[in-house]
Amino acid sequence: MSKYLLKADYENERITSMKQGDLITVNVPMLENNKLKYGLKAILTKMKKKKVYPSEKGFDIISLATIVYLADTRISRKKHGQDSWTREISIELPVSNTNIWNNQIDVLERMLKFLTGDIWHINFIKRKWLLETALPKQNKTNNYNCASLFSGGMDSLISTINLMQEGKNTLLISHAGEPLTKNAQINIINKLDKAYPNYLHDIMDLWMVFPDNYIPYGENDNNTRSRSFLFIAFGIFVLTGINNVSELLVPENGLIALNVPLDVTRVGSFSTRTTHPFYLNKWNELLSGVGINLTVRNPYWNKTKGEMASECQNKNILVETMKLSFSCSSPNKARWQKMASQHCGYCVPCLIRRAAMHKAFGKDVTNYTINSIKTMQINSNNSKGVQLRSFQYAINKVKSHEGIEKMYIHKSGPLSTDNLYLNELAYTYKRGLLEVDSFIEESLKQEGL
């Protein structure tokens, strides 16, 4: 086990490291041939074509997110975690204004610990290299009146359809680190091009991936809990480069956003917090603190996935496009059965997706590795049935104990003390579970169990 200090380096173009005791210091090059690395060079080219010219503060945020994402995916929890989970990671980052950013260290360290479960230490130094060197400032575009994260999943698809139906010229913010996600995003956009030719739904997509074993002695980590930090940071970076838009939409159904642990065993990697209300509030606190006049908002925080689908403003387009979207937590599992990557059908996101389609349409056009709920029920002790069993445990709790959802919503993280807000969150959580329950019960009935 080792502690890590990653230093973003604009002077040298080779990664170097030094080990002293249990501390490994790594100088991470941000430039190659005097051009930005890690997909940032390519995105600047796209930005210029769309007349998007981000600020230096915006660049501070995306450069921090780059180092965080690098650390998260290239420092093995198993090898360097204190308990095979919690790592201790320090970051030294050059920024445009150290005084502004030093006042936000506590906020940043708190939100990163909440998001990834690690111990983070952040130090800021003055950045001499300027973004204007790579992307000279010009007049910013006025073409958009809305901006939204676009993952290629079902929720962002529904959100985008609704924005198109409302006649919003929308800039979609995407990130991908593997082809499956990228292909889903492209295929959906192609469909929307035909369905909504009169409204902008331009995509600004960042492809960021690091070589295996890039950090010396770090190995790799398949966890990507910091992906939402990179995703939102990229969105903020882009929004500092356009006019007329002051809000970044982060569309996610309330059940997944709150992500209450389904049972006592669902901790650690099972309790992701990528769109949790506390985490998004921390983003707004950070943005206000550094003087960036933007906010982050989840417009579907009080909707279940099924409600989002049922209330979609063009359900015909949704049905046609649904099969192109991806919700599965690990679609590459299908390769173990010598099948093409696809939805597994039995992970938590898949079960919520299936329940949503059941509620909205009574059918599901998605291809799943396993369709049978009966099979999962019978094999509830193996990997293909354990998530179903966890759902049934949580469902039984809310059905058997009146009002228990008001206590359970606090299990995934700190929340506001506003009673009306808390009651709405609790009601959303309960409706989400009952939505899954309805799907399970109907499926078992149809399968004769």
Protein backbone atom coordinates (compact mmCIF):
# COMPACT_ATOMS: atom_id res chain seq x y z
CA MET A 1 0.00 0.00 0.00
CA SER A 2 1.28 3.45 -0.93
CA LYS A 3 0.08 7.03 -0.75
CA TYR A 4 0.22 9.06 -3.95
CA LEU A 5 1.00 12.67 -4.80
CA LEU A 6 0.14 13.58 -8.39
CA LYS A 7 1.56 16.84 -9.72
CA ALA A 8 0.13 18.28 -12.93
CA ASP A 9 3.21 19.32 -14.93
CA TYR A 10 3.28 21.87 -17.79
CA GLU A 11 7.06 21.92 -18.01
CA ASN A 12 8.04 18.33 -18.77
CA GLU A 13 6.42 16.02 -21.30
CA ARG A 14 7.36 12.67 -19.74
CA ILE A 15 5.74 11.07 -16.73
CA THR A 16 8.25 10.65 -13.90
CA SER A 17 8.03 9.33 -10.36
CA MET A 18 9.93 9.19 -7.10
CA LYS A 19 9.26 6.81 -4.20
CA GLN A 20 10.08 7.83 -0.64
CA GLY A 21 8.87 5.42 2.02
CA ASP A 22 5.15 4.89 1.48
CA LEU A 23 4.75 8.04 -0.66
CA ILE A 24 4.99 7.91 -4.44
CA THR A 25 5.25 11.31 -6.13
CA VAL A 26 4.31 11.39 -9.82
CA ASN A 27 4.78 14.29 -12.21
CA VAL A 28 1.92 14.04 -14.71
CA PRO A 29 2.63 15.79 -18.03
CA MET A 30 -0.26 17.92 -19.25
CA LEU A 31 1.37 18.73 -22.60
CA GLU A 32 2.86 16.78 -25.48
CA ASN A 33 4.64 18.71 -28.23
CA ASN A 34 3.27 21.78 -26.44
CA LYS A 35 -0.32 20.56 -27.00
CA LEU A 36 -2.74 19.40 -24.32
CA LYS A 37 -2.94 15.65 -23.68
CA TYR A 38 -5.68 13.22 -22.64
CA GLY A 39 -8.26 14.19 -25.25
CA LEU A 40 -8.19 17.89 -24.39
CA LYS A 41 -6.39 18.89 -27.58
CA ALA A 42 -9.10 17.27 -29.71
CA ILE A 43 -11.92 18.91 -27.78
CA LEU A 44 -10.38 22.36 -28.20
CA THR A 45 -10.52 21.83 -31.97
CA LYS A 46 -14.24 21.00 -31.71
CA MET A 47 -14.82 24.02 -29.49
CA LYS A 48 -13.24 26.36 -31.98
CA LYS A 49 -15.52 25.08 -34.75
CA LYS A 50 -18.57 25.77 -32.55
CA LYS A 51 -17.23 29.15 -31.33
CA VAL A 52 -16.91 27.90 -27.76
CA TYR A 53 -14.14 29.73 -25.88
CA PRO A 54 -13.88 28.65 -22.21
CA SER A 55 -12.41 30.74 -19.42
CA GLU A 56 -9.23 30.10 -17.47
CA LYS A 57 -11.33 29.22 -14.43
CA GLY A 58 -13.19 26.71 -16.56
CA PHE A 59 -9.87 25.21 -17.58
CA ASP A 60 -8.86 24.99 -13.92
CA ILE A 61 -11.88 22.77 -13.33
CA ILE A 62 -11.36 20.41 -16.28
CA SER A 63 -7.63 20.06 -15.54
CA LEU A 64 -8.41 19.17 -11.92
CA ALA A 65 -11.00 16.65 -13.10
CA THR A 66 -8.45 15.12 -15.48
CA ILE A 67 -6.00 14.43 -12.66
CA VAL A 68 -8.76 13.16 -10.37
CA TYR A 69 -10.05 10.78 -13.05
CA LEU A 70 -6.50 9.62 -13.79
CA ALA A 71 -5.88 8.88 -10.11
CA ASP A 72 -9.21 7.10 -9.71
CA THR A 73 -8.72 4.77 -12.68
CA ARG A 74 -4.95 4.18 -12.50
CA ILE A 75 -4.33 3.68 -8.77
CA SER A 76 -5.53 0.24 -7.72
CA ARG A 77 -7.77 0.14 -4.67
CA LYS A 78 -6.84 -3.48 -4.07
CA LYS A 79 -3.12 -2.67 -4.02
CA HIS A 80 -3.09 0.79 -2.44
CA GLY A 81 -6.33 1.05 -0.46
CA GLN A 82 -6.02 1.08 3.32
CA ASP A 83 -8.84 -1.47 3.51
CA SER A 84 -8.74 -2.58 -0.13
CA TRP A 85 -10.98 0.41 -0.79
CA THR A 86 -9.90 3.76 0.71
CA ARG A 87 -6.88 5.30 -1.00
CA GLU A 88 -5.00 8.40 0.12
CA ILE A 89 -4.34 10.68 -2.84
CA SER A 90 -2.81 14.16 -2.95
CA ILE A 91 -2.97 16.47 -5.96
CA GLU A 92 -0.87 19.51 -6.77
CA LEU A 93 -2.55 21.53 -9.48
CA PRO A 94 -1.49 24.74 -11.21
CA VAL A 95 -4.47 27.13 -11.46
CA SER A 96 -5.15 30.62 -12.77
CA ASN A 97 -5.74 32.19 -9.33
CA THR A 98 -4.46 30.43 -6.22
CA ASN A 99 -6.26 32.76 -3.79
CA ILE A 100 -9.68 31.88 -5.18
CA TRP A 101 -9.03 28.13 -5.31
CA ASN A 102 -7.31 27.86 -1.91
CA ASN A 103 -10.56 29.05 -0.31
CA GLN A 104 -12.37 26.08 -1.86
CA ILE A 105 -10.04 23.25 -0.79
CA ASP A 106 -12.36 22.05 1.99
CA VAL A 107 -15.33 21.95 -0.38
CA LEU A 108 -13.39 20.02 -3.01
CA GLU A 109 -11.91 17.49 -0.61
CA ARG A 110 -15.31 16.88 0.95
CA MET A 111 -17.11 16.35 -2.35
CA LEU A 112 -14.39 14.05 -3.70
CA LYS A 113 -14.35 11.95 -0.53
CA PHE A 114 -18.13 11.69 -0.68
CA LEU A 115 -18.00 10.68 -4.34
CA THR A 116 -15.15 8.16 -4.36
CA GLY A 117 -14.73 7.09 -0.72
CA ASP A 118 -11.05 8.10 -0.76
CA ILE A 119 -9.04 10.59 1.30
CA TRP A 120 -8.04 13.53 -0.92
CA HIS A 121 -5.57 16.35 -0.26
CA ILE A 122 -5.44 19.20 -2.76
CA ASN A 123 -2.85 21.93 -3.12
CA PHE A 124 -2.93 24.75 -5.68
CA ILE A 125 0.01 26.56 -7.25
CA LYS A 126 0.13 29.28 -9.90
CA ARG A 127 -0.38 28.14 -13.50
CA LYS A 128 1.82 29.93 -16.02
CA TRP A 129 0.57 28.10 -19.09
CA LEU A 130 -2.60 29.76 -20.40
CA LEU A 131 -5.53 28.23 -22.23
CA GLU A 132 -5.38 31.19 -24.61
CA THR A 133 -2.13 29.74 -25.90
CA ALA A 134 -4.10 26.84 -27.39
CA LEU A 135 -7.46 28.53 -27.95
CA PRO A 136 -7.21 32.32 -28.41
CA LYS A 137 -10.32 34.12 -27.23
CA GLN A 138 -12.90 35.25 -29.76
CA ASN A 139 -16.60 36.09 -29.65
CA LYS A 140 -18.55 33.31 -27.94
CA THR A 141 -21.47 31.61 -29.61
CA ASN A 142 -25.07 32.63 -28.89
CA ASN A 143 -26.57 29.59 -30.64
CA TYR A 144 -27.73 27.70 -27.56
CA ASN A 145 -30.28 28.39 -24.87
CA CYS A 146 -29.85 25.14 -22.96
CA ALA A 147 -27.07 22.71 -22.02
CA SER A 148 -27.43 19.18 -20.68
CA LEU A 149 -25.27 16.19 -19.89
CA PHE A 150 -25.82 13.42 -22.42
CA SER A 151 -24.52 10.01 -21.40
CA GLY A 152 -26.29 7.86 -23.96
CA GLY A 153 -28.47 6.37 -21.23
CA MET A 154 -32.24 6.30 -20.99
CA ASP A 155 -32.65 9.30 -18.69
CA SER A 156 -30.53 11.65 -20.80
CA LEU A 157 -32.37 10.40 -23.89
CA ILE A 158 -35.76 11.25 -22.37
CA SER A 159 -34.46 14.63 -21.24
CA THR A 160 -33.12 15.44 -24.71
CA ILE A 161 -36.39 14.44 -26.39
CA ASN A 162 -38.26 16.74 -23.99
CA LEU A 163 -35.88 19.63 -24.73
CA MET A 164 -36.38 19.12 -28.46
CA GLN A 165 -40.16 19.03 -28.03
CA GLU A 166 -39.90 22.34 -26.18
CA GLY A 167 -37.96 23.85 -29.08
CA LYS A 168 -34.73 24.30 -27.13
CA ASN A 169 -31.48 24.72 -29.04
CA THR A 170 -29.40 22.45 -26.85
CA LEU A 171 -25.71 21.80 -26.41
CA LEU A 172 -25.28 18.21 -25.27
CA ILE A 173 -22.24 17.45 -23.12
CA SER A 174 -20.82 13.95 -23.40
CA HIS A 175 -17.87 11.93 -22.17
CA ALA A 176 -16.74 8.47 -23.19
CA GLY A 177 -13.75 6.30 -22.44
CA GLU A 178 -14.78 3.20 -24.36
CA PRO A 179 -16.47 2.51 -27.74
CA LEU A 180 -19.79 1.15 -26.45
CA THR A 181 -20.77 4.40 -24.76
CA LYS A 182 -19.51 6.45 -27.67
CA ASN A 183 -21.47 4.41 -30.21
CA ALA A 184 -24.67 4.72 -28.17
CA GLN A 185 -24.30 8.50 -28.09
CA ILE A 186 -23.64 8.74 -31.82
CA ASN A 187 -26.50 6.43 -32.76
CA ILE A 188 -28.99 8.35 -30.64
CA ILE A 189 -27.88 11.69 -32.09
CA ASN A 190 -28.32 10.32 -35.61
CA LYS A 191 -31.90 9.38 -34.74
CA LEU A 192 -32.57 12.79 -33.23
CA ASP A 193 -31.11 14.48 -36.32
CA LYS A 194 -33.91 12.95 -38.37
CA ALA A 195 -36.62 13.50 -35.78
CA TYR A 196 -35.74 17.11 -34.93
CA PRO A 197 -34.01 18.75 -37.92
CA ASN A 198 -35.14 22.25 -36.93
CA TYR A 199 -33.63 22.39 -33.44
CA LEU A 200 -29.98 22.26 -32.49
CA HIS A 201 -28.86 19.27 -30.46
CA ASP A 202 -25.13 19.64 -31.03
CA ILE A 203 -22.88 17.34 -29.07
CA MET A 204 -19.63 18.38 -27.42
CA ASP A 205 -17.97 15.08 -26.60
CA LEU A 206 -14.76 14.43 -24.70
CA TRP A 207 -12.91 11.18 -25.27
CA MET A 208 -10.62 10.68 -22.30
CA VAL A 209 -8.82 7.43 -21.58
CA PHE A 210 -5.39 6.71 -20.12
CA PRO A 211 -2.92 3.96 -21.03
CA ASP A 212 -2.98 0.90 -18.80
CA ASN A 213 -0.55 1.11 -15.85
CA TYR A 214 0.10 4.76 -16.69
CA ILE A 215 0.89 5.78 -13.12
CA PRO A 216 4.11 4.10 -11.89
CA TYR A 217 3.36 1.24 -9.45
CA GLY A 218 -0.31 2.19 -9.55
CA GLU A 219 -1.69 -0.59 -11.77
CA ASN A 220 -5.33 -0.11 -12.87
CA ASP A 221 -8.71 0.21 -11.21
CA ASN A 222 -11.97 -0.63 -12.96
CA ASN A 223 -13.93 1.65 -10.65
CA THR A 224 -15.04 4.89 -12.31
CA ARG A 225 -16.80 6.62 -9.45
CA SER A 226 -15.11 9.91 -10.33
CA ARG A 227 -16.52 9.81 -13.87
CA SER A 228 -19.34 12.17 -12.88
CA PHE A 229 -16.77 14.64 -11.53
CA LEU A 230 -15.09 14.62 -14.93
CA PHE A 231 -18.45 14.69 -16.72
CA ILE A 232 -19.79 17.72 -14.82
CA ALA A 233 -16.41 19.46 -14.85
CA PHE A 234 -16.31 19.12 -18.63
CA GLY A 235 -19.82 20.56 -18.82
CA ILE A 236 -18.80 23.56 -16.72
CA PHE A 237 -15.65 24.01 -18.83
CA VAL A 238 -17.79 24.15 -21.97
CA LEU A 239 -20.42 26.45 -20.48
CA THR A 240 -17.81 29.05 -19.53
CA GLY A 241 -17.19 29.30 -23.29
CA ILE A 242 -20.72 30.15 -24.46
CA ASN A 243 -23.24 32.93 -23.94
CA ASN A 244 -26.89 32.78 -22.86
CA VAL A 245 -26.68 29.57 -20.77
CA SER A 246 -26.16 29.69 -17.01
CA GLU A 247 -27.33 26.22 -15.97
CA LEU A 248 -26.04 22.71 -16.63
CA LEU A 249 -28.78 20.09 -16.56
CA VAL A 250 -27.87 16.70 -15.07
CA PRO A 251 -30.85 14.45 -15.92
CA GLU A 252 -31.21 11.45 -13.61
CA ASN A 253 -34.26 9.77 -12.12
CA GLY A 254 -34.72 10.29 -8.41
CA LEU A 255 -34.32 6.65 -7.36
CA ILE A 256 -30.88 6.33 -8.95
CA ALA A 257 -29.80 9.85 -7.96
CA LEU A 258 -30.58 9.22 -4.30
CA ASN A 259 -29.31 5.63 -4.57
CA VAL A 260 -30.22 4.45 -1.09
CA PRO A 261 -28.38 1.16 -0.32
CA LEU A 262 -30.89 -1.62 -0.98
CA ASP A 263 -29.64 -3.73 1.92
CA VAL A 264 -26.94 -3.71 4.58
CA THR A 265 -24.42 -5.38 2.26
CA ARG A 266 -24.65 -2.65 -0.39
CA VAL A 267 -21.82 -0.41 0.72
CA GLY A 268 -18.55 0.68 -0.87
CA SER A 269 -18.63 0.15 -4.62
CA PHE A 270 -22.35 -0.67 -4.51
CA SER A 271 -23.41 2.75 -3.17
CA THR A 272 -22.45 5.16 -5.94
CA ARG A 273 -23.23 8.83 -5.39
CA THR A 274 -22.67 10.31 -8.82
CA THR A 275 -25.81 12.49 -8.88
CA HIS A 276 -26.73 12.52 -5.19
CA PRO A 277 -28.34 15.82 -4.07
CA PHE A 278 -25.54 16.53 -1.59
CA TYR A 279 -22.90 16.08 -4.29
CA LEU A 280 -24.69 18.37 -6.76
CA ASN A 281 -25.15 20.97 -4.03
CA LYS A 282 -21.41 20.85 -3.40
CA TRP A 283 -20.85 21.59 -7.07
CA ASN A 284 -22.99 24.71 -6.77
CA GLU A 285 -21.14 25.74 -3.62
CA LEU A 286 -17.83 25.32 -5.44
CA LEU A 287 -18.92 27.27 -8.51
CA SER A 288 -20.19 30.13 -6.41
CA GLY A 289 -16.99 30.11 -4.36
CA VAL A 290 -14.67 30.46 -7.37
CA GLY A 291 -16.84 33.10 -9.02
CA ILE A 292 -18.26 31.04 -11.91
CA ASN A 293 -21.85 32.18 -12.48
CA LEU A 294 -23.22 28.77 -13.38
CA THR A 295 -25.35 26.23 -11.54
CA VAL A 296 -25.89 22.48 -11.79
CA ARG A 297 -29.41 21.04 -11.54
CA ASN A 298 -31.13 17.67 -11.85
CA PRO A 299 -34.59 18.43 -13.30
CA TYR A 300 -35.84 14.90 -12.57
CA TRP A 301 -34.83 14.58 -8.92
CA ASN A 302 -38.44 13.85 -7.90
CA LYS A 303 -39.36 11.50 -10.76
CA THR A 304 -38.98 7.74 -11.02
CA LYS A 305 -37.56 6.35 -14.24
CA GLY A 306 -40.98 5.00 -15.17
CA GLU A 307 -42.55 8.39 -14.59
CA MET A 308 -39.91 9.99 -16.80
CA ALA A 309 -40.72 7.50 -19.57
CA SER A 310 -44.50 7.80 -19.10
CA GLU A 311 -44.35 11.59 -19.19
CA CYS A 312 -41.91 11.82 -22.10
CA GLN A 313 -43.24 14.44 -24.51
CA ASN A 314 -42.75 12.19 -27.54
CA LYS A 315 -43.16 8.55 -26.54
CA ASN A 316 -43.06 7.37 -30.15
CA ILE A 317 -39.53 8.72 -30.59
CA LEU A 318 -38.59 7.27 -27.21
CA VAL A 319 -39.72 3.77 -28.19
CA GLU A 320 -37.87 4.01 -31.51
CA THR A 321 -34.65 5.21 -29.88
CA MET A 322 -34.69 3.31 -26.57
CA LYS A 323 -32.87 0.25 -27.89
CA LEU A 324 -29.90 2.45 -28.80
CA SER A 325 -29.44 3.74 -25.25
CA PHE A 326 -27.41 2.00 -22.54
CA SER A 327 -28.28 1.74 -18.87
CA CYS A 328 -26.39 -1.41 -17.83
CA SER A 329 -23.67 -1.07 -15.19
CA SER A 330 -21.37 -3.48 -17.07
CA PRO A 331 -22.65 -4.50 -20.52
CA ASN A 332 -19.37 -6.23 -21.35
CA LYS A 333 -20.38 -9.09 -19.02
CA ALA A 334 -22.15 -10.58 -22.05
CA ARG A 335 -18.75 -11.45 -23.53
CA TRP A 336 -18.34 -14.12 -20.85
CA GLN A 337 -21.15 -15.95 -22.63
CA LYS A 338 -19.61 -15.26 -26.05
CA MET A 339 -22.25 -12.67 -26.85
CA ALA A 340 -21.97 -9.09 -28.08
CA SER A 341 -21.93 -6.42 -25.38
CA GLN A 342 -25.48 -5.71 -24.26
CA HIS A 343 -27.66 -5.11 -21.21
CA CYS A 344 -27.30 -7.91 -18.68
CA GLY A 345 -30.89 -7.59 -17.48
CA TYR A 346 -30.10 -8.30 -13.82
CA CYS A 347 -27.97 -5.44 -12.45
CA VAL A 348 -29.64 -2.60 -10.52
CA PRO A 349 -29.77 -0.13 -13.46
CA CYS A 350 -31.13 -2.84 -15.77
CA LEU A 351 -33.89 -3.81 -13.33
CA ILE A 352 -34.88 -0.16 -12.89
CA ARG A 353 -34.87 0.30 -16.67
CA ARG A 354 -37.02 -2.79 -17.18
CA ALA A 355 -39.47 -1.61 -14.52
CA ALA A 356 -39.67 1.79 -16.20
CA MET A 357 -40.45 0.27 -19.59
CA HIS A 358 -43.06 -1.95 -17.96
CA LYS A 359 -44.74 1.07 -16.39
CA ALA A 360 -44.61 3.29 -19.47
CA PHE A 361 -45.22 0.80 -22.29
CA GLY A 362 -45.97 -2.62 -20.86
CA LYS A 363 -43.17 -3.99 -23.02
CA ASP A 364 -39.43 -3.59 -23.53
CA VAL A 365 -37.59 -3.52 -26.87
CA THR A 366 -34.17 -3.88 -25.20
CA ASN A 367 -32.09 -7.02 -25.68
CA TYR A 368 -31.04 -8.52 -22.34
CA THR A 369 -28.61 -11.35 -21.62
CA ILE A 370 -31.16 -12.72 -19.15
CA ASN A 371 -34.84 -11.86 -19.51
CA SER A 372 -36.38 -14.27 -17.02
CA ILE A 373 -37.14 -12.84 -13.58
CA LYS A 374 -38.09 -16.37 -12.56
CA THR A 375 -34.52 -17.51 -13.28
CA MET A 376 -33.15 -14.71 -11.10
CA GLN A 377 -35.59 -15.58 -8.32
CA ILE A 378 -34.59 -19.24 -8.32
CA ASN A 379 -30.88 -18.35 -8.45
CA SER A 380 -31.06 -15.53 -5.94
CA ASN A 381 -27.75 -16.46 -4.32
CA ASN A 382 -25.60 -16.07 -7.42
CA SER A 383 -24.55 -12.95 -9.31
CA LYS A 384 -27.56 -13.10 -11.61
CA GLY A 385 -30.07 -13.02 -8.76
CA VAL A 386 -28.44 -11.09 -5.94
CA GLN A 387 -29.61 -7.65 -7.15
CA LEU A 388 -33.18 -8.89 -7.48
CA ARG A 389 -33.02 -10.21 -3.93
CA SER A 390 -31.67 -6.86 -2.71
CA PHE A 391 -34.56 -5.05 -4.37
CA GLN A 392 -37.06 -7.44 -2.82
CA TYR A 393 -35.50 -6.86 0.62
CA ALA A 394 -35.82 -3.06 0.27
CA ILE A 395 -39.33 -3.31 -1.19
CA ASN A 396 -40.47 -5.49 1.69
CA LYS A 397 -39.16 -2.91 4.17
CA VAL A 398 -41.10 0.02 2.70
CA LYS A 399 -44.24 -2.07 2.29
CA SER A 400 -44.10 -3.49 5.83
CA HIS A 401 -43.14 -0.36 7.77
CA GLU A 402 -45.20 2.75 7.14
CA GLY A 403 -43.04 5.84 6.72
CA ILE A 404 -39.70 4.02 6.93
CA GLU A 405 -38.67 5.60 3.61
CA LYS A 406 -38.32 8.93 5.45
CA MET A 407 -35.51 7.40 7.48
CA TYR A 408 -33.93 5.35 4.69
CA ILE A 409 -33.30 8.30 2.34
CA HIS A 410 -30.67 9.58 4.78
CA LYS A 411 -28.57 6.41 4.46
CA SER A 412 -26.88 7.48 1.22
CA GLY A 413 -25.65 10.88 2.36
CA PRO A 414 -26.45 14.26 3.99
CA LEU A 415 -29.62 15.99 2.88
CA SER A 416 -31.35 19.34 3.30
CA THR A 417 -33.37 19.89 6.46
CA ASP A 418 -36.35 21.25 4.53
CA ASN A 419 -39.28 19.01 5.44
CA LEU A 420 -41.25 19.48 2.22
CA TYR A 421 -38.17 18.60 0.19
CA LEU A 422 -37.39 15.55 2.36
CA ASN A 423 -40.96 14.30 2.12
CA GLU A 424 -40.85 14.58 -1.66
CA LEU A 425 -37.54 12.70 -1.78
CA ALA A 426 -38.91 9.96 0.45
CA TYR A 427 -42.07 9.64 -1.63
CA THR A 428 -40.00 9.44 -4.82
CA TYR A 429 -37.82 6.72 -3.31
CA LYS A 430 -40.86 4.70 -2.28
CA ARG A 431 -42.58 5.11 -5.66
CA GLY A 432 -39.38 3.98 -7.37
CA LEU A 433 -39.20 0.80 -5.32
CA LEU A 434 -42.88 0.04 -5.83
CA GLU A 435 -42.39 0.56 -9.56
CA VAL A 436 -39.75 -2.20 -9.54
CA ASP A 437 -41.99 -4.31 -7.32
CA SER A 438 -44.86 -4.09 -9.82
CA PHE A 439 -42.56 -5.21 -12.63
CA ILE A 440 -41.17 -8.15 -10.62
CA GLU A 441 -44.58 -9.36 -9.49
CA GLU A 442 -46.12 -9.13 -12.95
CA SER A 443 -43.12 -10.87 -14.53
CA LEU A 444 -43.24 -13.73 -12.02
CA LYS A 445 -46.98 -14.07 -12.56
CA GLN A 446 -46.52 -14.31 -16.33
CA GLU A 447 -43.76 -16.89 -15.87
CA GLY A 448 -45.90 -19.00 -13.59
CA LEU A 449 -44.11 -18.48 -10.29
